[in-house]
Amino acid sequence: MKKNQKDKLKNKEFGRIIAAVDGSKSSKHAAKKAIDLAKDTGIDVIALYVVQEPNEIYPELGTMYPDAMVLIKKEGSLFLDEIKKMGSEIGVNVKTKLVMGHPDQEIIKEAGKNDLIVMGCKGKSALNRILVGSVCEKVMHHSSSPVMIIR
């Protein structure tokens, strides 16, 4: 990062860094970048994991397999704990948040106008990306917050 970019960030151009994660290797890499950026700038990090509503992906999931949502939420919580630990290892406080809903909408809703959204470009749902477009693409096009995509 160039010196004047770091200076802008240190002057609190951004209120928070929203690290949108989904449990994928790409999102873990993006969270690491968000944490490194927070370390350099002193900006707070919110690690956000959105659990997709089951009726949107697999309508029968919630009724036929009620324990499935419990497992999916647990997976999200474990991943958020891992991100929090990554931050604490280098002295960055990472707050975690797990919500239910449409990932793109929830990410946009969480981020304020002065927040920076950091996210990976390739998540877990390749089939969903083919059918309805990627979450990062939707966030990039519809968010009023700046978005940093990590490949």
N, C-alpha and C. Protein backbone atom coordinates (compact mmCIF):
# COMPACT_ATOMS: atom_id res chain seq x y z
N MET A 1 0.85 -1.17 0.00
CA MET A 1 0.00 0.00 0.00
C MET A 1 0.89 1.24 0.00
N LYS A 2 0.54 2.22 -0.81
CA LYS A 2 1.32 3.45 -0.90
C LYS A 2 1.16 4.27 0.36
N LYS A 3 2.16 5.12 0.63
CA LYS A 3 2.18 5.91 1.85
C LYS A 3 0.93 6.78 1.99
N ASN A 4 0.52 7.49 0.93
CA ASN A 4 -0.64 8.38 1.09
C ASN A 4 -1.94 7.59 1.29
N GLN A 5 -2.02 6.34 0.78
CA GLN A 5 -3.19 5.51 1.05
C GLN A 5 -3.25 5.16 2.54
N LYS A 6 -2.10 4.79 3.12
CA LYS A 6 -2.05 4.49 4.54
C LYS A 6 -2.40 5.72 5.37
N ASP A 7 -1.90 6.88 4.95
CA ASP A 7 -2.19 8.11 5.68
C ASP A 7 -3.69 8.40 5.68
N LYS A 8 -4.36 8.19 4.54
CA LYS A 8 -5.80 8.42 4.46
C LYS A 8 -6.53 7.48 5.42
N LEU A 9 -6.11 6.22 5.43
CA LEU A 9 -6.75 5.27 6.32
C LEU A 9 -6.50 5.62 7.78
N LYS A 10 -5.28 6.06 8.09
CA LYS A 10 -4.97 6.45 9.46
C LYS A 10 -5.76 7.67 9.89
N ASN A 11 -6.14 8.51 8.96
CA ASN A 11 -6.95 9.67 9.27
C ASN A 11 -8.42 9.29 9.40
N LYS A 12 -8.70 8.01 9.51
CA LYS A 12 -10.05 7.49 9.71
C LYS A 12 -10.99 7.83 8.56
N GLU A 13 -10.47 7.68 7.33
CA GLU A 13 -11.35 7.83 6.17
C GLU A 13 -12.48 6.81 6.25
N PHE A 14 -12.18 5.65 6.83
CA PHE A 14 -13.17 4.60 7.01
C PHE A 14 -13.48 4.45 8.49
N GLY A 15 -14.75 4.24 8.81
CA GLY A 15 -15.15 4.05 10.19
C GLY A 15 -14.79 2.66 10.70
N ARG A 16 -15.12 1.65 9.88
CA ARG A 16 -14.85 0.25 10.25
C ARG A 16 -14.49 -0.52 8.98
N ILE A 17 -13.94 -1.69 9.20
CA ILE A 17 -13.70 -2.63 8.11
C ILE A 17 -14.66 -3.79 8.33
N ILE A 18 -15.50 -4.04 7.34
CA ILE A 18 -16.44 -5.16 7.39
C ILE A 18 -15.81 -6.29 6.58
N ALA A 19 -15.39 -7.35 7.26
CA ALA A 19 -14.81 -8.52 6.59
C ALA A 19 -15.95 -9.53 6.40
N ALA A 20 -16.46 -9.61 5.18
CA ALA A 20 -17.56 -10.52 4.88
C ALA A 20 -16.97 -11.89 4.60
N VAL A 21 -17.36 -12.89 5.40
CA VAL A 21 -16.79 -14.23 5.27
C VAL A 21 -17.88 -15.27 5.11
N ASP A 22 -17.52 -16.39 4.46
CA ASP A 22 -18.49 -17.46 4.26
C ASP A 22 -17.92 -18.84 4.54
N GLY A 23 -16.74 -18.90 5.13
CA GLY A 23 -16.14 -20.19 5.44
C GLY A 23 -15.21 -20.71 4.36
N SER A 24 -15.13 -20.03 3.24
CA SER A 24 -14.28 -20.48 2.14
C SER A 24 -12.84 -20.04 2.34
N LYS A 25 -11.95 -20.66 1.60
CA LYS A 25 -10.54 -20.29 1.64
C LYS A 25 -10.35 -18.85 1.16
N SER A 26 -11.10 -18.46 0.16
CA SER A 26 -11.03 -17.10 -0.37
C SER A 26 -11.44 -16.07 0.68
N SER A 27 -12.51 -16.37 1.43
CA SER A 27 -12.95 -15.40 2.44
C SER A 27 -11.99 -15.35 3.62
N LYS A 28 -11.34 -16.45 3.92
CA LYS A 28 -10.34 -16.46 5.00
C LYS A 28 -9.15 -15.58 4.60
N HIS A 29 -8.76 -15.69 3.34
CA HIS A 29 -7.66 -14.86 2.82
C HIS A 29 -8.06 -13.37 2.87
N ALA A 30 -9.28 -13.07 2.50
CA ALA A 30 -9.76 -11.68 2.54
C ALA A 30 -9.81 -11.17 3.98
N ALA A 31 -10.24 -12.01 4.91
CA ALA A 31 -10.28 -11.61 6.32
C ALA A 31 -8.88 -11.31 6.83
N LYS A 32 -7.91 -12.11 6.41
CA LYS A 32 -6.51 -11.87 6.80
C LYS A 32 -6.05 -10.50 6.30
N LYS A 33 -6.40 -10.17 5.07
CA LYS A 33 -6.05 -8.85 4.51
C LYS A 33 -6.73 -7.74 5.29
N ALA A 34 -8.00 -7.95 5.66
CA ALA A 34 -8.74 -6.94 6.43
C ALA A 34 -8.08 -6.73 7.79
N ILE A 35 -7.67 -7.81 8.42
CA ILE A 35 -7.02 -7.73 9.73
C ILE A 35 -5.66 -7.03 9.62
N ASP A 36 -4.90 -7.35 8.58
CA ASP A 36 -3.61 -6.68 8.37
C ASP A 36 -3.82 -5.18 8.16
N LEU A 37 -4.84 -4.82 7.40
CA LEU A 37 -5.16 -3.42 7.16
C LEU A 37 -5.55 -2.72 8.47
N ALA A 38 -6.32 -3.42 9.28
CA ALA A 38 -6.73 -2.87 10.57
C ALA A 38 -5.52 -2.68 11.48
N LYS A 39 -4.59 -3.59 11.43
CA LYS A 39 -3.37 -3.48 12.24
C LYS A 39 -2.60 -2.22 11.86
N ASP A 40 -2.51 -1.96 10.56
CA ASP A 40 -1.77 -0.79 10.07
C ASP A 40 -2.48 0.53 10.33
N THR A 41 -3.79 0.49 10.47
CA THR A 41 -4.55 1.74 10.52
C THR A 41 -5.29 2.00 11.83
N GLY A 42 -5.46 0.98 12.65
CA GLY A 42 -6.19 1.15 13.89
C GLY A 42 -7.69 1.18 13.73
N ILE A 43 -8.19 0.75 12.59
CA ILE A 43 -9.63 0.73 12.32
C ILE A 43 -10.21 -0.59 12.86
N ASP A 44 -11.42 -0.55 13.42
CA ASP A 44 -12.07 -1.75 13.94
C ASP A 44 -12.50 -2.68 12.82
N VAL A 45 -12.50 -3.99 13.12
CA VAL A 45 -12.93 -5.01 12.15
C VAL A 45 -14.18 -5.70 12.68
N ILE A 46 -15.15 -5.84 11.79
CA ILE A 46 -16.34 -6.65 12.05
C ILE A 46 -16.30 -7.80 11.06
N ALA A 47 -16.18 -9.04 11.57
CA ALA A 47 -16.25 -10.21 10.71
C ALA A 47 -17.71 -10.63 10.63
N LEU A 48 -18.26 -10.63 9.44
CA LEU A 48 -19.69 -10.88 9.22
C LEU A 48 -19.88 -12.18 8.44
N TYR A 49 -20.64 -13.10 9.02
CA TYR A 49 -20.97 -14.37 8.37
C TYR A 49 -22.48 -14.41 8.20
N VAL A 50 -22.93 -14.55 6.96
CA VAL A 50 -24.37 -14.57 6.69
C VAL A 50 -24.79 -15.99 6.34
N VAL A 51 -25.73 -16.50 7.12
CA VAL A 51 -26.31 -17.81 6.84
C VAL A 51 -27.51 -17.59 5.92
N GLN A 52 -27.45 -18.19 4.75
CA GLN A 52 -28.54 -18.06 3.77
C GLN A 52 -29.79 -18.74 4.31
N GLU A 53 -30.92 -18.07 4.19
CA GLU A 53 -32.20 -18.66 4.61
C GLU A 53 -32.41 -19.96 3.85
N PRO A 54 -32.79 -21.05 4.53
CA PRO A 54 -32.92 -22.34 3.86
C PRO A 54 -34.00 -22.36 2.78
N ASN A 55 -35.06 -21.59 2.95
CA ASN A 55 -36.12 -21.62 1.94
C ASN A 55 -35.67 -21.02 0.62
N GLU A 56 -34.56 -20.31 0.61
CA GLU A 56 -34.04 -19.73 -0.62
C GLU A 56 -33.17 -20.74 -1.38
N ILE A 57 -32.43 -21.57 -0.68
CA ILE A 57 -31.52 -22.51 -1.34
C ILE A 57 -32.20 -23.86 -1.52
N TYR A 58 -32.61 -24.44 -0.40
CA TYR A 58 -33.24 -25.76 -0.40
C TYR A 58 -34.50 -25.66 0.46
N PRO A 59 -35.66 -25.48 -0.16
CA PRO A 59 -36.88 -25.28 0.63
C PRO A 59 -37.14 -26.39 1.64
N GLU A 60 -36.75 -27.60 1.32
CA GLU A 60 -37.04 -28.73 2.22
C GLU A 60 -36.07 -28.82 3.38
N LEU A 61 -34.98 -28.07 3.35
CA LEU A 61 -33.94 -28.19 4.38
C LEU A 61 -34.50 -27.94 5.77
N GLY A 62 -35.22 -26.84 5.93
CA GLY A 62 -35.73 -26.47 7.25
C GLY A 62 -36.77 -27.44 7.79
N THR A 63 -37.59 -28.02 6.92
CA THR A 63 -38.65 -28.91 7.39
C THR A 63 -38.19 -30.36 7.50
N MET A 64 -37.45 -30.85 6.52
CA MET A 64 -37.02 -32.24 6.53
C MET A 64 -35.82 -32.47 7.45
N TYR A 65 -34.97 -31.47 7.57
CA TYR A 65 -33.76 -31.60 8.37
C TYR A 65 -33.60 -30.40 9.29
N PRO A 66 -34.40 -30.31 10.33
CA PRO A 66 -34.36 -29.12 11.19
C PRO A 66 -33.00 -28.91 11.87
N ASP A 67 -32.27 -29.99 12.08
CA ASP A 67 -30.95 -29.84 12.71
C ASP A 67 -29.90 -29.28 11.76
N ALA A 68 -30.21 -29.28 10.47
CA ALA A 68 -29.25 -28.78 9.48
C ALA A 68 -28.91 -27.31 9.73
N MET A 69 -29.91 -26.50 10.05
CA MET A 69 -29.66 -25.07 10.29
C MET A 69 -28.79 -24.88 11.53
N VAL A 70 -28.98 -25.72 12.53
CA VAL A 70 -28.15 -25.65 13.73
C VAL A 70 -26.70 -25.92 13.35
N LEU A 71 -26.48 -26.93 12.51
CA LEU A 71 -25.12 -27.27 12.07
C LEU A 71 -24.51 -26.16 11.22
N ILE A 72 -25.31 -25.58 10.34
CA ILE A 72 -24.82 -24.51 9.48
C ILE A 72 -24.42 -23.29 10.32
N LYS A 73 -25.24 -22.95 11.30
CA LYS A 73 -24.91 -21.82 12.18
C LYS A 73 -23.67 -22.12 13.01
N LYS A 74 -23.54 -23.37 13.46
CA LYS A 74 -22.35 -23.75 14.23
C LYS A 74 -21.10 -23.63 13.37
N GLU A 75 -21.18 -24.07 12.13
CA GLU A 75 -20.05 -23.94 11.19
C GLU A 75 -19.66 -22.47 11.05
N GLY A 76 -20.66 -21.60 10.91
CA GLY A 76 -20.39 -20.16 10.80
C GLY A 76 -19.73 -19.61 12.04
N SER A 77 -20.23 -20.01 13.21
CA SER A 77 -19.65 -19.54 14.47
C SER A 77 -18.21 -19.99 14.64
N LEU A 78 -17.93 -21.23 14.26
CA LEU A 78 -16.56 -21.75 14.35
C LEU A 78 -15.62 -20.97 13.43
N PHE A 79 -16.11 -20.66 12.22
CA PHE A 79 -15.28 -19.90 11.29
C PHE A 79 -15.03 -18.49 11.82
N LEU A 80 -16.06 -17.87 12.39
CA LEU A 80 -15.89 -16.53 12.97
C LEU A 80 -14.89 -16.56 14.13
N ASP A 81 -14.94 -17.63 14.94
CA ASP A 81 -13.97 -17.76 16.03
C ASP A 81 -12.54 -17.83 15.49
N GLU A 82 -12.39 -18.52 14.37
CA GLU A 82 -11.07 -18.63 13.73
C GLU A 82 -10.58 -17.26 13.26
N ILE A 83 -11.47 -16.46 12.69
CA ILE A 83 -11.11 -15.12 12.23
C ILE A 83 -10.76 -14.24 13.43
N LYS A 84 -11.54 -14.33 14.48
CA LYS A 84 -11.28 -13.56 15.71
C LYS A 84 -9.90 -13.91 16.26
N LYS A 85 -9.57 -15.20 16.25
CA LYS A 85 -8.26 -15.65 16.74
C LYS A 85 -7.13 -15.09 15.87
N MET A 86 -7.34 -15.08 14.55
CA MET A 86 -6.32 -14.50 13.65
C MET A 86 -6.03 -13.06 14.04
N GLY A 87 -7.08 -12.31 14.36
CA GLY A 87 -6.90 -10.92 14.77
C GLY A 87 -6.18 -10.80 16.09
N SER A 88 -6.59 -11.60 17.06
CA SER A 88 -5.97 -11.49 18.39
C SER A 88 -4.50 -11.86 18.37
N GLU A 89 -4.12 -12.74 17.46
CA GLU A 89 -2.70 -13.14 17.35
C GLU A 89 -1.79 -11.98 16.95
N ILE A 90 -2.37 -10.97 16.27
CA ILE A 90 -1.53 -9.81 15.89
C ILE A 90 -2.00 -8.52 16.56
N GLY A 91 -2.84 -8.67 17.58
CA GLY A 91 -3.25 -7.51 18.36
C GLY A 91 -4.39 -6.69 17.79
N VAL A 92 -5.23 -7.31 16.95
CA VAL A 92 -6.38 -6.62 16.38
C VAL A 92 -7.65 -7.21 16.98
N ASN A 93 -8.49 -6.34 17.53
CA ASN A 93 -9.77 -6.79 18.08
C ASN A 93 -10.76 -6.96 16.93
N VAL A 94 -11.24 -8.18 16.76
CA VAL A 94 -12.22 -8.48 15.71
C VAL A 94 -13.54 -8.81 16.38
N LYS A 95 -14.56 -8.04 16.08
CA LYS A 95 -15.91 -8.34 16.56
C LYS A 95 -16.56 -9.24 15.52
N THR A 96 -17.35 -10.19 15.98
CA THR A 96 -17.98 -11.13 15.05
C THR A 96 -19.49 -10.96 15.07
N LYS A 97 -20.07 -11.28 13.93
CA LYS A 97 -21.52 -11.17 13.80
C LYS A 97 -22.01 -12.24 12.83
N LEU A 98 -22.97 -13.07 13.28
CA LEU A 98 -23.59 -14.08 12.43
C LEU A 98 -25.05 -13.70 12.28
N VAL A 99 -25.50 -13.57 11.04
CA VAL A 99 -26.89 -13.19 10.77
C VAL A 99 -27.49 -14.13 9.73
N MET A 100 -28.81 -14.15 9.68
CA MET A 100 -29.54 -14.92 8.67
C MET A 100 -30.06 -13.96 7.62
N GLY A 101 -30.07 -14.40 6.37
CA GLY A 101 -30.64 -13.58 5.30
C GLY A 101 -29.93 -13.80 3.98
N HIS A 102 -30.12 -12.87 3.08
CA HIS A 102 -29.43 -12.89 1.79
C HIS A 102 -28.05 -12.28 1.99
N PRO A 103 -26.98 -12.99 1.66
CA PRO A 103 -25.64 -12.47 1.96
C PRO A 103 -25.37 -11.06 1.43
N ASP A 104 -25.68 -10.80 0.17
CA ASP A 104 -25.38 -9.48 -0.38
C ASP A 104 -26.16 -8.40 0.36
N GLN A 105 -27.43 -8.62 0.63
CA GLN A 105 -28.25 -7.63 1.31
C GLN A 105 -27.77 -7.38 2.74
N GLU A 106 -27.41 -8.45 3.44
CA GLU A 106 -26.98 -8.31 4.83
C GLU A 106 -25.61 -7.62 4.93
N ILE A 107 -24.73 -7.88 3.98
CA ILE A 107 -23.42 -7.21 3.96
C ILE A 107 -23.62 -5.72 3.74
N ILE A 108 -24.44 -5.39 2.76
CA ILE A 108 -24.71 -3.98 2.45
C ILE A 108 -25.39 -3.29 3.63
N LYS A 109 -26.32 -3.99 4.28
CA LYS A 109 -27.03 -3.42 5.42
C LYS A 109 -26.09 -3.17 6.60
N GLU A 110 -25.12 -4.05 6.81
CA GLU A 110 -24.18 -3.90 7.94
C GLU A 110 -23.25 -2.72 7.74
N ALA A 111 -22.83 -2.50 6.51
CA ALA A 111 -21.81 -1.48 6.23
C ALA A 111 -22.43 -0.09 6.15
N GLY A 112 -21.85 0.81 6.90
CA GLY A 112 -22.24 2.20 6.80
C GLY A 112 -21.54 2.86 5.62
N LYS A 113 -21.96 4.05 5.30
CA LYS A 113 -21.40 4.77 4.16
C LYS A 113 -19.88 4.95 4.29
N ASN A 114 -19.39 5.08 5.53
CA ASN A 114 -17.97 5.32 5.74
C ASN A 114 -17.19 4.06 6.08
N ASP A 115 -17.81 2.89 5.93
CA ASP A 115 -17.13 1.63 6.21
C ASP A 115 -16.53 1.06 4.93
N LEU A 116 -15.50 0.26 5.09
CA LEU A 116 -14.88 -0.45 3.97
C LEU A 116 -15.28 -1.91 4.06
N ILE A 117 -15.85 -2.44 2.99
CA ILE A 117 -16.20 -3.85 2.91
C ILE A 117 -15.03 -4.57 2.25
N VAL A 118 -14.53 -5.62 2.91
CA VAL A 118 -13.45 -6.44 2.35
C VAL A 118 -14.01 -7.85 2.23
N MET A 119 -13.90 -8.41 1.03
CA MET A 119 -14.43 -9.75 0.81
C MET A 119 -13.68 -10.48 -0.29
N GLY A 120 -13.73 -11.82 -0.21
CA GLY A 120 -13.15 -12.64 -1.25
C GLY A 120 -14.08 -12.71 -2.43
N CYS A 121 -13.52 -13.06 -3.57
CA CYS A 121 -14.33 -13.07 -4.79
C CYS A 121 -14.93 -14.44 -5.07
N LYS A 122 -14.33 -15.48 -4.59
CA LYS A 122 -14.86 -16.81 -4.85
C LYS A 122 -15.25 -17.45 -3.54
N GLY A 123 -16.54 -17.62 -3.34
CA GLY A 123 -17.03 -18.21 -2.10
C GLY A 123 -17.34 -19.67 -2.26
N LYS A 124 -18.22 -20.16 -1.39
CA LYS A 124 -18.53 -21.58 -1.35
C LYS A 124 -19.59 -22.00 -2.35
N SER A 125 -20.44 -21.11 -2.79
CA SER A 125 -21.61 -21.52 -3.56
C SER A 125 -21.41 -21.29 -5.06
N ALA A 126 -20.63 -22.13 -5.70
CA ALA A 126 -20.36 -21.99 -7.14
C ALA A 126 -21.64 -22.13 -7.97
N LEU A 127 -22.48 -23.09 -7.63
CA LEU A 127 -23.72 -23.28 -8.38
C LEU A 127 -24.62 -22.05 -8.24
N ASN A 128 -24.73 -21.55 -7.02
CA ASN A 128 -25.55 -20.36 -6.78
C ASN A 128 -25.00 -19.18 -7.58
N ARG A 129 -23.67 -19.05 -7.66
CA ARG A 129 -23.05 -17.95 -8.40
C ARG A 129 -23.41 -18.04 -9.88
N ILE A 130 -23.43 -19.24 -10.41
CA ILE A 130 -23.76 -19.42 -11.82
C ILE A 130 -25.23 -19.06 -12.07
N LEU A 131 -26.11 -19.47 -11.15
CA LEU A 131 -27.54 -19.26 -11.34
C LEU A 131 -27.99 -17.83 -11.07
N VAL A 132 -27.49 -17.20 -10.03
CA VAL A 132 -28.00 -15.88 -9.66
C VAL A 132 -26.93 -14.80 -9.52
N GLY A 133 -25.71 -15.09 -9.85
CA GLY A 133 -24.65 -14.10 -9.76
C GLY A 133 -23.94 -14.16 -8.43
N SER A 134 -22.71 -13.68 -8.39
CA SER A 134 -21.91 -13.78 -7.18
C SER A 134 -22.30 -12.72 -6.16
N VAL A 135 -22.08 -13.05 -4.90
CA VAL A 135 -22.35 -12.11 -3.82
C VAL A 135 -21.46 -10.89 -3.98
N CYS A 136 -20.17 -11.11 -4.28
CA CYS A 136 -19.26 -9.95 -4.38
C CYS A 136 -19.68 -9.03 -5.53
N GLU A 137 -20.17 -9.59 -6.60
CA GLU A 137 -20.63 -8.76 -7.72
C GLU A 137 -21.83 -7.91 -7.31
N LYS A 138 -22.77 -8.52 -6.60
CA LYS A 138 -23.95 -7.78 -6.15
C LYS A 138 -23.57 -6.69 -5.15
N VAL A 139 -22.67 -7.01 -4.24
CA VAL A 139 -22.24 -6.01 -3.25
C VAL A 139 -21.52 -4.86 -3.95
N MET A 140 -20.64 -5.18 -4.88
CA MET A 140 -19.92 -4.12 -5.62
C MET A 140 -20.87 -3.17 -6.32
N HIS A 141 -21.92 -3.69 -6.92
CA HIS A 141 -22.82 -2.87 -7.72
C HIS A 141 -23.88 -2.12 -6.92
N HIS A 142 -24.18 -2.61 -5.72
CA HIS A 142 -25.30 -2.02 -4.98
C HIS A 142 -24.93 -1.33 -3.67
N SER A 143 -23.69 -1.47 -3.24
CA SER A 143 -23.30 -0.88 -1.96
C SER A 143 -22.90 0.59 -2.14
N SER A 144 -23.28 1.41 -1.18
CA SER A 144 -22.80 2.80 -1.20
C SER A 144 -21.46 2.90 -0.48
N SER A 145 -21.02 1.81 0.12
CA SER A 145 -19.71 1.75 0.81
C SER A 145 -18.65 1.33 -0.18
N PRO A 146 -17.40 1.74 0.06
CA PRO A 146 -16.31 1.22 -0.77
C PRO A 146 -16.15 -0.27 -0.53
N VAL A 147 -15.79 -1.00 -1.58
CA VAL A 147 -15.64 -2.44 -1.52
C VAL A 147 -14.26 -2.82 -2.02
N MET A 148 -13.55 -3.64 -1.24
CA MET A 148 -12.24 -4.16 -1.64
C MET A 148 -12.41 -5.67 -1.86
N ILE A 149 -12.16 -6.11 -3.09
CA ILE A 149 -12.27 -7.53 -3.44
C ILE A 149 -10.86 -8.13 -3.43
N ILE A 150 -10.70 -9.21 -2.68
CA ILE A 150 -9.42 -9.90 -2.58
C ILE A 150 -9.51 -11.18 -3.40
N ARG A 151 -8.60 -11.32 -4.35
CA ARG A 151 -8.58 -12.54 -5.17
C ARG A 151 -7.74 -13.59 -4.50
